[in-house]
C-alpha atoms as a PDB file:
ATOM      1  CA  UNK A   1       0.014  -0.008  -0.021  1.00  0.00           C
ATOM      2  CA  UNK A   2       2.805   2.452   0.591  1.00  0.00           C
ATOM      3  CA  UNK A   3       3.978   2.071  -2.905  1.00  0.00           C
ATOM      4  CA  UNK A   4       0.415   3.180  -4.021  1.00  0.00           C
ATOM      5  CA  UNK A   5       0.323   5.941  -1.468  1.00  0.00           C
ATOM      6  CA  UNK A   6       3.936   7.269  -2.748  1.00  0.00           C
ATOM      7  CA  UNK A   7       2.573   7.466  -6.214  1.00  0.00           C
ATOM      8  CA  UNK A   8      -0.603   9.206  -4.893  1.00  0.00           C
ATOM      9  CA  UNK A   9      -2.952   6.364  -6.186  1.00  0.00           C
ATOM     10  CA  UNK A  10      -5.837   5.365  -4.066  1.00  0.00           C
ATOM     11  CA  UNK A  11      -7.546   1.936  -3.929  1.00  0.00           C
ATOM     12  CA  UNK A  12     -11.127   2.968  -4.172  1.00  0.00           C
ATOM     13  CA  UNK A  13     -12.937  -0.483  -4.146  1.00  0.00           C
ATOM     14  CA  UNK A  14     -11.465  -3.971  -3.472  1.00  0.00           C
ATOM     15  CA  UNK A  15     -13.558  -6.819  -4.299  1.00  0.00           C
ATOM     16  CA  UNK A  16     -13.189 -10.498  -4.372  1.00  0.00           C
ATOM     17  CA  UNK A  17     -12.033 -10.599  -8.212  1.00  0.00           C
ATOM     18  CA  UNK A  18     -11.613  -6.861  -9.232  1.00  0.00           C
ATOM     19  CA  UNK A  19     -10.206  -3.778  -7.478  1.00  0.00           C
ATOM     20  CA  UNK A  20     -10.243  -0.233  -8.602  1.00  0.00           C
ATOM     21  CA  UNK A  21      -7.391   2.279  -8.392  1.00  0.00           C
ATOM     22  CA  UNK A  22      -7.618   6.129  -9.017  1.00  0.00           C
ATOM     23  CA  UNK A  23      -5.469   8.819  -9.288  1.00  0.00           C
ATOM     24  CA  UNK A  24      -7.010  12.415 -10.042  1.00  0.00           C
ATOM     25  CA  UNK A  25      -9.343  11.602 -12.954  1.00  0.00           C
ATOM     26  CA  UNK A  26      -7.580   8.463 -14.032  1.00  0.00           C
ATOM     27  CA  UNK A  27      -9.208   5.068 -13.026  1.00  0.00           C
ATOM     28  CA  UNK A  28      -8.008   1.342 -13.434  1.00  0.00           C
ATOM     29  CA  UNK A  29      -9.408  -2.042 -12.844  1.00  0.00           C
ATOM     30  CA  UNK A  30      -7.169  -4.813 -11.718  1.00  0.00           C
ATOM     31  CA  UNK A  31      -8.005  -8.341 -11.018  1.00  0.00           C
ATOM     32  CA  UNK A  32      -5.906 -11.325  -9.434  1.00  0.00           C
ATOM     33  CA  UNK A  33      -4.290 -11.349  -5.997  1.00  0.00           C
ATOM     34  CA  UNK A  34      -3.814  -7.745  -4.683  1.00  0.00           C
ATOM     35  CA  UNK A  35      -4.577  -6.357  -8.233  1.00  0.00           C
ATOM     36  CA  UNK A  36      -1.708  -8.288  -9.652  1.00  0.00           C
ATOM     37  CA  UNK A  37      -3.428  -8.045 -13.181  1.00  0.00           C
ATOM     38  CA  UNK A  38      -3.927  -4.645 -14.542  1.00  0.00           C
ATOM     39  CA  UNK A  39      -6.605  -3.988 -16.726  1.00  0.00           C
ATOM     40  CA  UNK A  40      -7.795  -1.060 -19.022  1.00  0.00           C
ATOM     41  CA  UNK A  41      -7.051   2.345 -17.798  1.00  0.00           C
ATOM     42  CA  UNK A  42      -9.569   5.076 -18.411  1.00  0.00           C
ATOM     43  CA  UNK A  43     -10.359   8.747 -17.394  1.00  0.00           C
ATOM     44  CA  UNK A  44     -13.477  10.198 -15.819  1.00  0.00           C
ATOM     45  CA  UNK A  45     -15.052  12.678 -18.096  1.00  0.00           C
ATOM     46  CA  UNK A  46     -18.256  14.502 -18.241  1.00  0.00           C
ATOM     47  CA  UNK A  47     -19.614  11.640 -20.266  1.00  0.00           C
ATOM     48  CA  UNK A  48     -18.445   9.105 -17.594  1.00  0.00           C
ATOM     49  CA  UNK A  49     -15.686   6.582 -17.709  1.00  0.00           C
ATOM     50  CA  UNK A  50     -13.786   6.893 -21.088  1.00  0.00           C
ATOM     51  CA  UNK A  51     -11.032   4.845 -22.315  1.00  0.00           C
ATOM     52  CA  UNK A  52      -8.041   5.784 -24.629  1.00  0.00           C
ATOM     53  CA  UNK A  53      -8.441   4.361 -28.089  1.00  0.00           C
ATOM     54  CA  UNK A  54      -6.101   5.023 -31.135  1.00  0.00           C
ATOM     55  CA  UNK A  55      -7.714   5.393 -34.563  1.00  0.00           C
ATOM     56  CA  UNK A  56      -5.702   6.213 -37.729  1.00  0.00           C
ATOM     57  CA  UNK A  57      -2.836   7.348 -35.148  1.00  0.00           C
ATOM     58  CA  UNK A  58      -4.900   9.878 -33.240  1.00  0.00           C
ATOM     59  CA  UNK A  59      -5.778   9.139 -29.609  1.00  0.00           C
ATOM     60  CA  UNK A  60      -9.467   9.434 -28.664  1.00  0.00           C
ATOM     61  CA  UNK A  61     -11.411   9.146 -25.254  1.00  0.00           C
ATOM     62  CA  UNK A  62     -14.301   6.730 -25.882  1.00  0.00           C
ATOM     63  CA  UNK A  63     -17.214   7.004 -23.634  1.00  0.00           C
ATOM     64  CA  UNK A  64     -20.778   5.572 -23.614  1.00  0.00           C
ATOM     65  CA  UNK A  65     -22.459   7.827 -26.195  1.00  0.00           C
ATOM     66  CA  UNK A  66     -19.418   9.038 -27.978  1.00  0.00           C
ATOM     67  CA  UNK A  67     -15.929   9.803 -28.254  1.00  0.00           C
ATOM     68  CA  UNK A  68     -13.683  12.963 -28.274  1.00  0.00           C
ATOM     69  CA  UNK A  69      -9.935  13.662 -29.485  1.00  0.00           C
ATOM     70  CA  UNK A  70      -7.780  13.306 -26.422  1.00  0.00           C
ATOM     71  CA  UNK A  71      -5.524  16.077 -25.589  1.00  0.00           C
ATOM     72  CA  UNK A  72      -1.617  15.436 -25.202  1.00  0.00           C
ATOM     73  CA  UNK A  73      -2.030  16.045 -21.573  1.00  0.00           C
ATOM     74  CA  UNK A  74      -4.765  13.393 -21.243  1.00  0.00           C
ATOM     75  CA  UNK A  75      -2.827  10.880 -23.191  1.00  0.00           C
ATOM     76  CA  UNK A  76       0.410  11.462 -20.891  1.00  0.00           C
ATOM     77  CA  UNK A  77      -1.784  11.426 -17.594  1.00  0.00           C
ATOM     78  CA  UNK A  78      -3.292   8.031 -18.525  1.00  0.00           C
ATOM     79  CA  UNK A  79       0.177   6.657 -19.718  1.00  0.00           C
ATOM     80  CA  UNK A  80       1.917   7.820 -16.638  1.00  0.00           C
ATOM     81  CA  UNK A  81      -0.913   6.454 -14.278  1.00  0.00           C
ATOM     82  CA  UNK A  82      -0.944   3.294 -16.065  1.00  0.00           C
ATOM     83  CA  UNK A  83       2.870   2.818 -15.801  1.00  0.00           C
ATOM     84  CA  UNK A  84       2.917   3.856 -12.209  1.00  0.00           C
ATOM     85  CA  UNK A  85       0.043   1.485 -11.131  1.00  0.00           C
ATOM     86  CA  UNK A  86       1.656  -1.308 -13.046  1.00  0.00           C
ATOM     87  CA  UNK A  87       4.965  -0.626 -11.078  1.00  0.00           C
ATOM     88  CA  UNK A  88       3.276  -0.398  -7.692  1.00  0.00           C
ATOM     89  CA  UNK A  89       1.438  -3.587  -8.286  1.00  0.00           C
ATOM     90  CA  UNK A  90       4.299  -5.775  -9.533  1.00  0.00           C
ATOM     91  CA  UNK A  91       6.689  -4.824  -7.110  1.00  0.00           C
END
């Protein structure tokens, strides 16, 4: 847990098969023992949870009801969160 705290990542929900982690507007689901298998990482938007997808070399945030072009800052926030969470959970 201290690794998560050091990276400003909070465990929001811990269930028997899936746990959810958040930092700022980023969120990820992880399964397995102590969240050892990280799933998709997304970002909370006005449309709800949106996942980063790539189409024709362009990043988009896809949420229920549509998608919007992702900013470089959003792409970097999701990338960094995913990397940090993976590091914390695998250490």
